[in-house]
């Protein structure tokens, strides 16, 4: 493979990474993507959910404020 072909495939991969995947779309649809990012970043940095209580509470409050509880309630079959 030539250097040009390698560079071209690397730049295409970078472009594809910018597109939101299904997971990102679901998170964005909750209205709490910023809070979710802060919560997961905290866990990534600390590797301890107990150290991320403030971020978890902010996400929980956003989740309720956006009305996501009704949308994710379990339904009896």
N, C-alpha and C. Protein backbone atom coordinates (compact mmCIF):
# COMPACT_ATOMS: atom_id res chain seq x y z
N UNK A 1 0.86 -1.17 0.00
CA UNK A 1 0.00 0.00 0.00
C UNK A 1 0.90 1.23 0.00
N UNK A 2 0.58 2.18 -0.83
CA UNK A 2 1.39 3.39 -0.92
C UNK A 2 1.09 4.32 0.25
N UNK A 3 1.99 5.27 0.45
CA UNK A 3 1.80 6.25 1.52
C UNK A 3 0.52 7.05 1.30
N UNK A 4 0.21 7.38 0.04
CA UNK A 4 -1.02 8.13 -0.25
C UNK A 4 -2.25 7.33 0.12
N UNK A 5 -2.24 6.03 -0.17
CA UNK A 5 -3.38 5.18 0.16
C UNK A 5 -3.55 5.06 1.67
N UNK A 6 -2.44 4.96 2.39
CA UNK A 6 -2.50 4.88 3.85
C UNK A 6 -3.06 6.17 4.43
N UNK A 7 -2.55 7.30 3.96
CA UNK A 7 -3.03 8.59 4.44
C UNK A 7 -4.51 8.78 4.13
N UNK A 8 -4.92 8.34 2.95
CA UNK A 8 -6.32 8.47 2.55
C UNK A 8 -7.22 7.64 3.45
N UNK A 9 -6.82 6.39 3.74
CA UNK A 9 -7.65 5.55 4.59
C UNK A 9 -7.68 6.07 6.02
N UNK A 10 -6.56 6.66 6.50
CA UNK A 10 -6.53 7.23 7.85
C UNK A 10 -7.44 8.46 7.93
N UNK A 11 -7.44 9.29 6.90
CA UNK A 11 -8.29 10.48 6.93
C UNK A 11 -9.76 10.09 6.83
N UNK A 12 -10.09 9.04 6.09
CA UNK A 12 -11.47 8.57 6.02
C UNK A 12 -11.93 8.04 7.36
N UNK A 13 -11.05 7.36 8.08
CA UNK A 13 -11.40 6.85 9.40
C UNK A 13 -11.69 8.00 10.36
N UNK A 14 -10.92 9.06 10.27
CA UNK A 14 -11.13 10.22 11.13
C UNK A 14 -12.47 10.87 10.83
N UNK A 15 -12.85 10.94 9.57
CA UNK A 15 -14.14 11.52 9.19
C UNK A 15 -15.27 10.65 9.72
N UNK A 16 -15.15 9.35 9.59
CA UNK A 16 -16.19 8.44 10.06
C UNK A 16 -16.37 8.54 11.58
N UNK A 17 -15.29 8.80 12.33
CA UNK A 17 -15.37 8.90 13.78
C UNK A 17 -16.17 10.14 14.21
N UNK A 18 -16.25 11.13 13.35
CA UNK A 18 -16.99 12.34 13.70
C UNK A 18 -18.50 12.15 13.60
N UNK A 19 -18.94 11.13 12.90
CA UNK A 19 -20.37 10.88 12.75
C UNK A 19 -20.91 10.21 14.01
N UNK A 20 -22.04 10.70 14.53
CA UNK A 20 -22.62 10.05 15.72
C UNK A 20 -23.13 8.66 15.38
N UNK A 21 -22.81 7.70 16.23
CA UNK A 21 -23.31 6.35 16.04
C UNK A 21 -24.65 6.22 16.76
N UNK A 22 -25.23 5.02 16.74
CA UNK A 22 -26.55 4.81 17.35
C UNK A 22 -26.53 5.13 18.84
N UNK A 23 -25.45 4.78 19.52
CA UNK A 23 -25.34 5.05 20.96
C UNK A 23 -25.37 6.57 21.21
N UNK A 24 -24.57 7.30 20.44
CA UNK A 24 -24.54 8.76 20.59
C UNK A 24 -25.92 9.36 20.32
N UNK A 25 -26.59 8.90 19.29
CA UNK A 25 -27.92 9.42 18.97
C UNK A 25 -28.89 9.19 20.12
N UNK A 26 -28.82 8.02 20.75
CA UNK A 26 -29.71 7.74 21.88
C UNK A 26 -29.39 8.66 23.06
N UNK A 27 -28.12 8.87 23.34
CA UNK A 27 -27.74 9.76 24.44
C UNK A 27 -28.17 11.19 24.15
N UNK A 28 -27.94 11.67 22.93
CA UNK A 28 -28.35 13.03 22.57
C UNK A 28 -29.86 13.20 22.69
N UNK A 29 -30.63 12.15 22.37
CA UNK A 29 -32.08 12.26 22.41
C UNK A 29 -32.62 12.39 23.84
N UNK A 30 -31.82 12.06 24.84
CA UNK A 30 -32.27 12.18 26.22
C UNK A 30 -32.24 13.61 26.71
N UNK A 31 -31.47 14.47 26.03
CA UNK A 31 -31.30 15.84 26.48
C UNK A 31 -30.27 15.98 27.59
N UNK A 32 -29.59 14.90 27.91
CA UNK A 32 -28.62 14.90 29.02
C UNK A 32 -27.24 14.44 28.57
N UNK A 33 -26.88 14.72 27.34
CA UNK A 33 -25.60 14.23 26.83
C UNK A 33 -24.42 14.88 27.54
N UNK A 34 -24.54 16.15 27.90
CA UNK A 34 -23.44 16.84 28.59
C UNK A 34 -23.23 16.21 29.97
N UNK A 35 -24.32 16.00 30.70
CA UNK A 35 -24.24 15.39 32.03
C UNK A 35 -23.70 13.96 31.93
N UNK A 36 -24.12 13.23 30.89
CA UNK A 36 -23.63 11.88 30.69
C UNK A 36 -22.12 11.88 30.44
N UNK A 37 -21.66 12.81 29.63
CA UNK A 37 -20.22 12.89 29.34
C UNK A 37 -19.42 13.20 30.60
N UNK A 38 -19.91 14.14 31.41
CA UNK A 38 -19.20 14.47 32.64
C UNK A 38 -19.15 13.27 33.58
N UNK A 39 -20.25 12.52 33.65
CA UNK A 39 -20.30 11.36 34.52
C UNK A 39 -19.33 10.27 34.05
N UNK A 40 -19.34 9.97 32.76
CA UNK A 40 -18.44 8.93 32.26
C UNK A 40 -16.98 9.37 32.30
N UNK A 41 -16.73 10.66 32.05
CA UNK A 41 -15.36 11.17 32.16
C UNK A 41 -14.84 11.05 33.59
N UNK A 42 -15.71 11.34 34.56
CA UNK A 42 -15.32 11.21 35.96
C UNK A 42 -14.94 9.77 36.26
N UNK A 43 -15.77 8.84 35.82
CA UNK A 43 -15.46 7.44 36.08
C UNK A 43 -14.16 7.03 35.39
N UNK A 44 -13.98 7.49 34.15
CA UNK A 44 -12.76 7.16 33.42
C UNK A 44 -11.52 7.66 34.17
N UNK A 45 -11.63 8.87 34.73
CA UNK A 45 -10.49 9.46 35.45
C UNK A 45 -10.24 8.78 36.79
N UNK A 46 -11.31 8.43 37.51
CA UNK A 46 -11.15 7.94 38.88
C UNK A 46 -11.24 6.42 39.01
N UNK A 47 -11.92 5.78 38.06
CA UNK A 47 -12.20 4.33 38.12
C UNK A 47 -12.97 3.95 39.38
N UNK A 48 -13.76 4.91 39.88
CA UNK A 48 -14.53 4.68 41.11
C UNK A 48 -15.80 5.51 41.06
N UNK A 49 -16.94 4.83 40.90
CA UNK A 49 -18.22 5.54 40.83
C UNK A 49 -18.50 6.36 42.09
N UNK A 50 -17.98 5.89 43.23
CA UNK A 50 -18.22 6.62 44.48
C UNK A 50 -17.63 8.02 44.45
N UNK A 51 -16.60 8.22 43.66
CA UNK A 51 -15.97 9.53 43.54
C UNK A 51 -16.74 10.45 42.59
N UNK A 52 -17.78 9.92 41.96
CA UNK A 52 -18.52 10.67 40.94
C UNK A 52 -19.96 10.94 41.35
N UNK A 53 -20.21 11.00 42.66
CA UNK A 53 -21.58 11.19 43.14
C UNK A 53 -22.19 12.49 42.63
N UNK A 54 -21.42 13.56 42.59
CA UNK A 54 -21.93 14.86 42.13
C UNK A 54 -22.36 14.76 40.67
N UNK A 55 -21.54 14.14 39.84
CA UNK A 55 -21.86 13.99 38.41
C UNK A 55 -23.06 13.07 38.21
N UNK A 56 -23.13 12.00 39.01
CA UNK A 56 -24.26 11.08 38.90
C UNK A 56 -25.56 11.77 39.29
N UNK A 57 -25.53 12.59 40.32
CA UNK A 57 -26.73 13.31 40.76
C UNK A 57 -27.15 14.33 39.71
N UNK A 58 -26.21 15.01 39.09
CA UNK A 58 -26.54 15.97 38.03
C UNK A 58 -27.19 15.26 36.86
N UNK A 59 -26.69 14.08 36.51
CA UNK A 59 -27.29 13.30 35.43
C UNK A 59 -28.69 12.85 35.81
N UNK A 60 -28.85 12.37 37.03
CA UNK A 60 -30.16 11.91 37.51
C UNK A 60 -31.19 13.04 37.48
N UNK A 61 -30.79 14.23 37.92
CA UNK A 61 -31.70 15.38 37.91
C UNK A 61 -32.06 15.77 36.49
N UNK A 62 -31.10 15.78 35.59
CA UNK A 62 -31.37 16.09 34.19
C UNK A 62 -32.33 15.05 33.61
N UNK A 63 -32.10 13.80 33.92
CA UNK A 63 -32.94 12.71 33.40
C UNK A 63 -34.40 12.94 33.79
N UNK A 64 -34.62 13.30 35.05
CA UNK A 64 -35.98 13.56 35.52
C UNK A 64 -36.55 14.82 34.87
N UNK A 65 -35.75 15.87 34.80
CA UNK A 65 -36.18 17.15 34.24
C UNK A 65 -36.60 17.00 32.78
N UNK A 66 -35.93 16.13 32.06
CA UNK A 66 -36.22 15.93 30.64
C UNK A 66 -37.38 14.96 30.40
N UNK A 67 -37.91 14.36 31.48
CA UNK A 67 -39.05 13.45 31.34
C UNK A 67 -38.67 12.07 30.83
N UNK A 68 -37.43 11.67 31.04
CA UNK A 68 -36.98 10.38 30.54
C UNK A 68 -37.47 9.21 31.38
N UNK A 69 -37.92 9.47 32.60
CA UNK A 69 -38.39 8.38 33.44
C UNK A 69 -39.61 7.70 32.83
N UNK A 70 -40.55 8.49 32.29
CA UNK A 70 -41.74 7.92 31.69
C UNK A 70 -41.37 7.12 30.44
N UNK A 71 -40.42 7.61 29.70
CA UNK A 71 -40.04 6.97 28.44
C UNK A 71 -39.32 5.64 28.67
N UNK A 72 -38.69 5.48 29.81
CA UNK A 72 -37.92 4.25 30.05
C UNK A 72 -38.54 3.34 31.09
N UNK A 73 -39.76 3.69 31.58
CA UNK A 73 -40.44 2.82 32.53
C UNK A 73 -40.65 1.44 31.92
N UNK A 74 -40.52 0.42 32.78
CA UNK A 74 -40.79 -0.94 32.33
C UNK A 74 -42.31 -1.11 32.24
N UNK A 75 -42.72 -1.89 31.28
CA UNK A 75 -44.14 -2.15 31.10
C UNK A 75 -44.42 -3.61 31.40
N UNK A 76 -45.53 -3.87 32.10
CA UNK A 76 -45.93 -5.24 32.38
C UNK A 76 -46.35 -5.90 31.07
N UNK A 77 -45.91 -7.12 30.89
CA UNK A 77 -46.25 -7.84 29.65
C UNK A 77 -47.60 -8.51 29.79
